[in-house]
Amino acid sequence: MKIKIDNESDAMYISFVEDAEVIESEEIKPGLIVDYNKEEKIVGIELVGIREKMPELDLKNISLETN
């Protein structure tokens, strides 16, 4: 998994599959876009307008927890 922040466009992209070919994108809600591959599996999620939608998000301190 890879998370990319684009400060210029105020967007965050979460990629679940490296170098996946996106066949279709679906805007679930304004600013929330889900990308699918040819098997209709989710390969990425884009969030646009992250500063407004998630004002308390600390982009300098992101952690990942697994169990």
PDB file of N, CA and C in Angstrom:
ATOM      1  N   MET A   1       0.844  -1.165   0.000  1.00  0.00           N
ATOM      2  CA  MET A   1       0.000   0.000   0.000  1.00  0.00           C
ATOM      3  C   MET A   1       0.893   1.232   0.000  1.00  0.00           C
ATOM      4  N   LYS A   2       0.427   2.272  -0.707  1.00  0.00           N
ATOM      5  CA  LYS A   2       1.190   3.508  -0.807  1.00  0.00           C
ATOM      6  C   LYS A   2       0.219   4.674  -0.671  1.00  0.00           C
ATOM      7  N   ILE A   3       0.607   5.682   0.106  1.00  0.00           N
ATOM      8  CA  ILE A   3      -0.204   6.878   0.267  1.00  0.00           C
ATOM      9  C   ILE A   3       0.569   8.047  -0.315  1.00  0.00           C
ATOM     10  N   LYS A   4      -0.082   8.789  -1.209  1.00  0.00           N
ATOM     11  CA  LYS A   4       0.554   9.946  -1.829  1.00  0.00           C
ATOM     12  C   LYS A   4      -0.291  11.183  -1.526  1.00  0.00           C
ATOM     13  N   ILE A   5       0.368  12.235  -1.017  1.00  0.00           N
ATOM     14  CA  ILE A   5      -0.299  13.498  -0.736  1.00  0.00           C
ATOM     15  C   ILE A   5       0.138  14.503  -1.789  1.00  0.00           C
ATOM     16  N   ASP A   6      -0.826  15.156  -2.412  1.00  0.00           N
ATOM     17  CA  ASP A   6      -0.535  16.209  -3.381  1.00  0.00           C
ATOM     18  C   ASP A   6      -1.045  17.517  -2.786  1.00  0.00           C
ATOM     19  N   ASN A   7      -0.125  18.295  -2.204  1.00  0.00           N
ATOM     20  CA  ASN A   7      -0.516  19.538  -1.550  1.00  0.00           C
ATOM     21  C   ASN A   7      -1.079  20.559  -2.532  1.00  0.00           C
ATOM     22  N   GLU A   8      -0.566  20.570  -3.746  1.00  0.00           N
ATOM     23  CA  GLU A   8      -1.024  21.543  -4.741  1.00  0.00           C
ATOM     24  C   GLU A   8      -2.494  21.341  -5.098  1.00  0.00           C
ATOM     25  N   SER A   9      -2.901  20.095  -5.271  1.00  0.00           N
ATOM     26  CA  SER A   9      -4.302  19.817  -5.619  1.00  0.00           C
ATOM     27  C   SER A   9      -5.146  19.471  -4.395  1.00  0.00           C
ATOM     28  N   ASP A  10      -4.532  19.495  -3.207  1.00  0.00           N
ATOM     29  CA  ASP A  10      -5.233  19.215  -1.945  1.00  0.00           C
ATOM     30  C   ASP A  10      -5.911  17.844  -1.996  1.00  0.00           C
ATOM     31  N   ALA A  11      -5.134  16.842  -2.409  1.00  0.00           N
ATOM     32  CA  ALA A  11      -5.687  15.499  -2.576  1.00  0.00           C
ATOM     33  C   ALA A  11      -4.760  14.444  -1.965  1.00  0.00           C
ATOM     34  N   MET A  12      -5.347  13.313  -1.624  1.00  0.00           N
ATOM     35  CA  MET A  12      -4.599  12.163  -1.124  1.00  0.00           C
ATOM     36  C   MET A  12      -5.032  10.953  -1.944  1.00  0.00           C
ATOM     37  N   TYR A  13      -4.045  10.156  -2.381  1.00  0.00           N
ATOM     38  CA  TYR A  13      -4.341   8.932  -3.113  1.00  0.00           C
ATOM     39  C   TYR A  13      -3.775   7.756  -2.336  1.00  0.00           C
ATOM     40  N   ILE A  14      -4.620   6.784  -2.082  1.00  0.00           N
ATOM     41  CA  ILE A  14      -4.214   5.554  -1.406  1.00  0.00           C
ATOM     42  C   ILE A  14      -4.246   4.447  -2.444  1.00  0.00           C
ATOM     43  N   SER A  15      -3.071   3.897  -2.740  1.00  0.00           N
ATOM     44  CA  SER A  15      -2.943   2.834  -3.728  1.00  0.00           C
ATOM     45  C   SER A  15      -2.790   1.497  -2.997  1.00  0.00           C
ATOM     46  N   PHE A  16      -3.658   0.560  -3.321  1.00  0.00           N
ATOM     47  CA  PHE A  16      -3.611  -0.758  -2.687  1.00  0.00           C
ATOM     48  C   PHE A  16      -2.796  -1.763  -3.491  1.00  0.00           C
ATOM     49  N   VAL A  17      -2.639  -1.498  -4.786  1.00  0.00           N
ATOM     50  CA  VAL A  17      -1.913  -2.387  -5.688  1.00  0.00           C
ATOM     51  C   VAL A  17      -0.934  -1.540  -6.493  1.00  0.00           C
ATOM     52  N   GLU A  18       0.357  -1.831  -6.354  1.00  0.00           N
ATOM     53  CA  GLU A  18       1.381  -1.048  -7.041  1.00  0.00           C
ATOM     54  C   GLU A  18       1.265  -1.205  -8.559  1.00  0.00           C
ATOM     55  N   ASP A  19       1.315  -0.094  -9.269  1.00  0.00           N
ATOM     56  CA  ASP A  19       1.264  -0.063 -10.740  1.00  0.00           C
ATOM     57  C   ASP A  19       0.018  -0.736 -11.315  1.00  0.00           C
ATOM     58  N   ALA A  20      -1.081  -0.666 -10.599  1.00  0.00           N
ATOM     59  CA  ALA A  20      -2.325  -1.281 -11.086  1.00  0.00           C
ATOM     60  C   ALA A  20      -2.891  -0.477 -12.248  1.00  0.00           C
ATOM     61  N   GLU A  21      -3.464  -1.179 -13.209  1.00  0.00           N
ATOM     62  CA  GLU A  21      -4.116  -0.513 -14.326  1.00  0.00           C
ATOM     63  C   GLU A  21      -5.559  -0.205 -13.928  1.00  0.00           C
ATOM     64  N   VAL A  22      -5.873   1.080 -13.863  1.00  0.00           N
ATOM     65  CA  VAL A  22      -7.223   1.509 -13.499  1.00  0.00           C
ATOM     66  C   VAL A  22      -8.086   1.485 -14.753  1.00  0.00           C
ATOM     67  N   ILE A  23      -9.161   0.709 -14.690  1.00  0.00           N
ATOM     68  CA  ILE A  23     -10.075   0.576 -15.815  1.00  0.00           C
ATOM     69  C   ILE A  23     -11.288   1.487 -15.642  1.00  0.00           C
ATOM     70  N   GLU A  24     -11.692   1.674 -14.396  1.00  0.00           N
ATOM     71  CA  GLU A  24     -12.889   2.478 -14.119  1.00  0.00           C
ATOM     72  C   GLU A  24     -12.710   3.225 -12.815  1.00  0.00           C
ATOM     73  N   SER A  25     -13.238   4.441 -12.773  1.00  0.00           N
ATOM     74  CA  SER A  25     -13.253   5.241 -11.554  1.00  0.00           C
ATOM     75  C   SER A  25     -14.692   5.626 -11.260  1.00  0.00           C
ATOM     76  N   GLU A  26     -15.039   5.606  -9.984  1.00  0.00           N
ATOM     77  CA  GLU A  26     -16.408   5.927  -9.578  1.00  0.00           C
ATOM     78  C   GLU A  26     -16.356   6.938  -8.444  1.00  0.00           C
ATOM     79  N   GLU A  27     -17.025   8.070  -8.636  1.00  0.00           N
ATOM     80  CA  GLU A  27     -17.101   9.068  -7.570  1.00  0.00           C
ATOM     81  C   GLU A  27     -18.263   8.684  -6.658  1.00  0.00           C
ATOM     82  N   ILE A  28     -17.929   8.168  -5.490  1.00  0.00           N
ATOM     83  CA  ILE A  28     -18.924   7.683  -4.531  1.00  0.00           C
ATOM     84  C   ILE A  28     -19.688   8.843  -3.904  1.00  0.00           C
ATOM     85  N   LYS A  29     -18.946   9.868  -3.520  1.00  0.00           N
ATOM     86  CA  LYS A  29     -19.465  11.124  -2.986  1.00  0.00           C
ATOM     87  C   LYS A  29     -18.560  12.212  -3.543  1.00  0.00           C
ATOM     88  N   PRO A  30     -18.981  13.466  -3.491  1.00  0.00           N
ATOM     89  CA  PRO A  30     -18.095  14.520  -3.986  1.00  0.00           C
ATOM     90  C   PRO A  30     -16.721  14.468  -3.299  1.00  0.00           C
ATOM     91  N   GLY A  31     -15.680  14.333  -4.104  1.00  0.00           N
ATOM     92  CA  GLY A  31     -14.317  14.290  -3.575  1.00  0.00           C
ATOM     93  C   GLY A  31     -13.849  12.924  -3.118  1.00  0.00           C
ATOM     94  N   LEU A  32     -14.647  11.874  -3.287  1.00  0.00           N
ATOM     95  CA  LEU A  32     -14.274  10.512  -2.897  1.00  0.00           C
ATOM     96  C   LEU A  32     -14.398   9.607  -4.122  1.00  0.00           C
ATOM     97  N   ILE A  33     -13.246   9.243  -4.681  1.00  0.00           N
ATOM     98  CA  ILE A  33     -13.211   8.497  -5.937  1.00  0.00           C
ATOM     99  C   ILE A  33     -12.555   7.134  -5.715  1.00  0.00           C
ATOM    100  N   VAL A  34     -13.213   6.086  -6.169  1.00  0.00           N
ATOM    101  CA  VAL A  34     -12.713   4.726  -6.036  1.00  0.00           C
ATOM    102  C   VAL A  34     -12.284   4.237  -7.417  1.00  0.00           C
ATOM    103  N   ASP A  35     -11.073   3.688  -7.500  1.00  0.00           N
ATOM    104  CA  ASP A  35     -10.543   3.160  -8.753  1.00  0.00           C
ATOM    105  C   ASP A  35     -10.614   1.632  -8.756  1.00  0.00           C
ATOM    106  N   TYR A  36     -11.001   1.067  -9.916  1.00  0.00           N
ATOM    107  CA  TYR A  36     -11.146  -0.379 -10.075  1.00  0.00           C
ATOM    108  C   TYR A  36     -10.248  -0.889 -11.201  1.00  0.00           C
ATOM    109  N   ASN A  37      -9.812  -2.143 -11.078  1.00  0.00           N
ATOM    110  CA  ASN A  37      -9.064  -2.783 -12.162  1.00  0.00           C
ATOM    111  C   ASN A  37     -10.032  -3.570 -13.045  1.00  0.00           C
ATOM    112  N   LYS A  38      -9.496  -4.326 -14.016  1.00  0.00           N
ATOM    113  CA  LYS A  38     -10.368  -5.046 -14.953  1.00  0.00           C
ATOM    114  C   LYS A  38     -11.162  -6.169 -14.292  1.00  0.00           C
ATOM    115  N   GLU A  39     -10.709  -6.631 -13.120  1.00  0.00           N
ATOM    116  CA  GLU A  39     -11.469  -7.656 -12.387  1.00  0.00           C
ATOM    117  C   GLU A  39     -12.498  -7.033 -11.446  1.00  0.00           C
ATOM    118  N   GLU A  40     -12.673  -5.701 -11.552  1.00  0.00           N
ATOM    119  CA  GLU A  40     -13.592  -4.931 -10.717  1.00  0.00           C
ATOM    120  C   GLU A  40     -13.201  -4.941  -9.246  1.00  0.00           C
ATOM    121  N   LYS A  41     -11.911  -5.115  -8.981  1.00  0.00           N
ATOM    122  CA  LYS A  41     -11.369  -5.041  -7.619  1.00  0.00           C
ATOM    123  C   LYS A  41     -10.916  -3.610  -7.349  1.00  0.00           C
ATOM    124  N   ILE A  42     -11.063  -3.148  -6.124  1.00  0.00           N
ATOM    125  CA  ILE A  42     -10.621  -1.806  -5.759  1.00  0.00           C
ATOM    126  C   ILE A  42      -9.100  -1.793  -5.695  1.00  0.00           C
ATOM    127  N   VAL A  43      -8.493  -0.857  -6.440  1.00  0.00           N
ATOM    128  CA  VAL A  43      -7.038  -0.750  -6.452  1.00  0.00           C
ATOM    129  C   VAL A  43      -6.556   0.575  -5.859  1.00  0.00           C
ATOM    130  N   GLY A  44      -7.475   1.520  -5.688  1.00  0.00           N
ATOM    131  CA  GLY A  44      -7.078   2.804  -5.122  1.00  0.00           C
ATOM    132  C   GLY A  44      -8.265   3.658  -4.750  1.00  0.00           C
ATOM    133  N   ILE A  45      -7.998   4.625  -3.861  1.00  0.00           N
ATOM    134  CA  ILE A  45      -9.014   5.580  -3.425  1.00  0.00           C
ATOM    135  C   ILE A  45      -8.383   6.966  -3.439  1.00  0.00           C
ATOM    136  N   GLU A  46      -9.084   7.920  -4.027  1.00  0.00           N
ATOM    137  CA  GLU A  46      -8.619   9.301  -4.027  1.00  0.00           C
ATOM    138  C   GLU A  46      -9.573  10.162  -3.215  1.00  0.00           C
ATOM    139  N   LEU A  47      -9.001  10.990  -2.359  1.00  0.00           N
ATOM    140  CA  LEU A  47      -9.766  11.942  -1.571  1.00  0.00           C
ATOM    141  C   LEU A  47      -9.343  13.337  -2.002  1.00  0.00           C
ATOM    142  N   VAL A  48     -10.282  14.122  -2.482  1.00  0.00           N
ATOM    143  CA  VAL A  48      -9.999  15.483  -2.957  1.00  0.00           C
ATOM    144  C   VAL A  48     -10.578  16.473  -1.956  1.00  0.00           C
ATOM    145  N   GLY A  49      -9.814  17.517  -1.665  1.00  0.00           N
ATOM    146  CA  GLY A  49     -10.246  18.515  -0.681  1.00  0.00           C
ATOM    147  C   GLY A  49     -10.006  18.050   0.740  1.00  0.00           C
ATOM    148  N   ILE A  50      -8.850  17.431   0.974  1.00  0.00           N
ATOM    149  CA  ILE A  50      -8.600  16.804   2.276  1.00  0.00           C
ATOM    150  C   ILE A  50      -8.488  17.812   3.416  1.00  0.00           C
ATOM    151  N   ARG A  51      -8.018  19.010   3.155  1.00  0.00           N
ATOM    152  CA  ARG A  51      -7.891  20.000   4.236  1.00  0.00           C
ATOM    153  C   ARG A  51      -9.262  20.398   4.786  1.00  0.00           C
ATOM    154  N   GLU A  52     -10.235  20.521   3.895  1.00  0.00           N
ATOM    155  CA  GLU A  52     -11.580  20.893   4.317  1.00  0.00           C
ATOM    156  C   GLU A  52     -12.326  19.715   4.933  1.00  0.00           C
ATOM    157  N   LYS A  53     -12.198  18.550   4.309  1.00  0.00           N
ATOM    158  CA  LYS A  53     -12.950  17.382   4.759  1.00  0.00           C
ATOM    159  C   LYS A  53     -12.370  16.727   6.010  1.00  0.00           C
ATOM    160  N   MET A  54     -11.048  16.879   6.200  1.00  0.00           N
ATOM    161  CA  MET A  54     -10.377  16.266   7.348  1.00  0.00           C
ATOM    162  C   MET A  54      -9.437  17.287   7.988  1.00  0.00           C
ATOM    163  N   PRO A  55      -9.982  18.347   8.592  1.00  0.00           N
ATOM    164  CA  PRO A  55      -9.135  19.431   9.095  1.00  0.00           C
ATOM    165  C   PRO A  55      -8.171  19.016  10.202  1.00  0.00           C
ATOM    166  N   GLU A  56      -8.447  17.952  10.896  1.00  0.00           N
ATOM    167  CA  GLU A  56      -7.570  17.525  11.989  1.00  0.00           C
ATOM    168  C   GLU A  56      -6.555  16.477  11.553  1.00  0.00           C
ATOM    169  N   LEU A  57      -6.498  16.194  10.277  1.00  0.00           N
ATOM    170  CA  LEU A  57      -5.549  15.214   9.751  1.00  0.00           C
ATOM    171  C   LEU A  57      -4.133  15.760   9.859  1.00  0.00           C
ATOM    172  N   ASP A  58      -3.272  15.033  10.522  1.00  0.00           N
ATOM    173  CA  ASP A  58      -1.870  15.417  10.676  1.00  0.00           C
ATOM    174  C   ASP A  58      -1.062  14.648   9.639  1.00  0.00           C
ATOM    175  N   LEU A  59      -0.764  15.312   8.534  1.00  0.00           N
ATOM    176  CA  LEU A  59      -0.086  14.647   7.425  1.00  0.00           C
ATOM    177  C   LEU A  59       1.372  14.332   7.723  1.00  0.00           C
ATOM    178  N   LYS A  60       1.916  14.895   8.780  1.00  0.00           N
ATOM    179  CA  LYS A  60       3.305  14.634   9.141  1.00  0.00           C
ATOM    180  C   LYS A  60       3.433  13.457  10.097  1.00  0.00           C
ATOM    181  N   ASN A  61       2.308  12.957  10.580  1.00  0.00           N
ATOM    182  CA  ASN A  61       2.345  11.877  11.560  1.00  0.00           C
ATOM    183  C   ASN A  61       1.297  10.823  11.201  1.00  0.00           C
ATOM    184  N   ILE A  62       1.628   9.981  10.236  1.00  0.00           N
ATOM    185  CA  ILE A  62       0.733   8.915   9.793  1.00  0.00           C
ATOM    186  C   ILE A  62       1.322   7.580  10.231  1.00  0.00           C
ATOM    187  N   SER A  63       0.494   6.756  10.849  1.00  0.00           N
ATOM    188  CA  SER A  63       0.972   5.439  11.278  1.00  0.00           C
ATOM    189  C   SER A  63       0.058   4.367  10.720  1.00  0.00           C
ATOM    190  N   LEU A  64       0.573   3.163  10.659  1.00  0.00           N
ATOM    191  CA  LEU A  64      -0.188   2.021  10.169  1.00  0.00           C
ATOM    192  C   LEU A  64      -0.161   0.936  11.237  1.00  0.00           C
ATOM    193  N   GLU A  65      -1.344   0.471  11.568  1.00  0.00           N
ATOM    194  CA  GLU A  65      -1.451  -0.596  12.565  1.00  0.00           C
ATOM    195  C   GLU A  65      -1.980  -1.861  11.893  1.00  0.00           C
ATOM    196  N   THR A  66      -1.357  -2.973  12.195  1.00  0.00           N
ATOM    197  CA  THR A  66      -1.832  -4.266  11.707  1.00  0.00           C
ATOM    198  C   THR A  66      -1.893  -5.244  12.879  1.00  0.00           C
ATOM    199  N   ASN A  67      -2.682  -6.273  12.709  1.00  0.00           N
ATOM    200  CA  ASN A  67      -2.713  -7.324  13.742  1.00  0.00           C
ATOM    201  C   ASN A  67      -2.930  -8.669  13.121  1.00  0.00           C
TER     202      ASN A  67
END
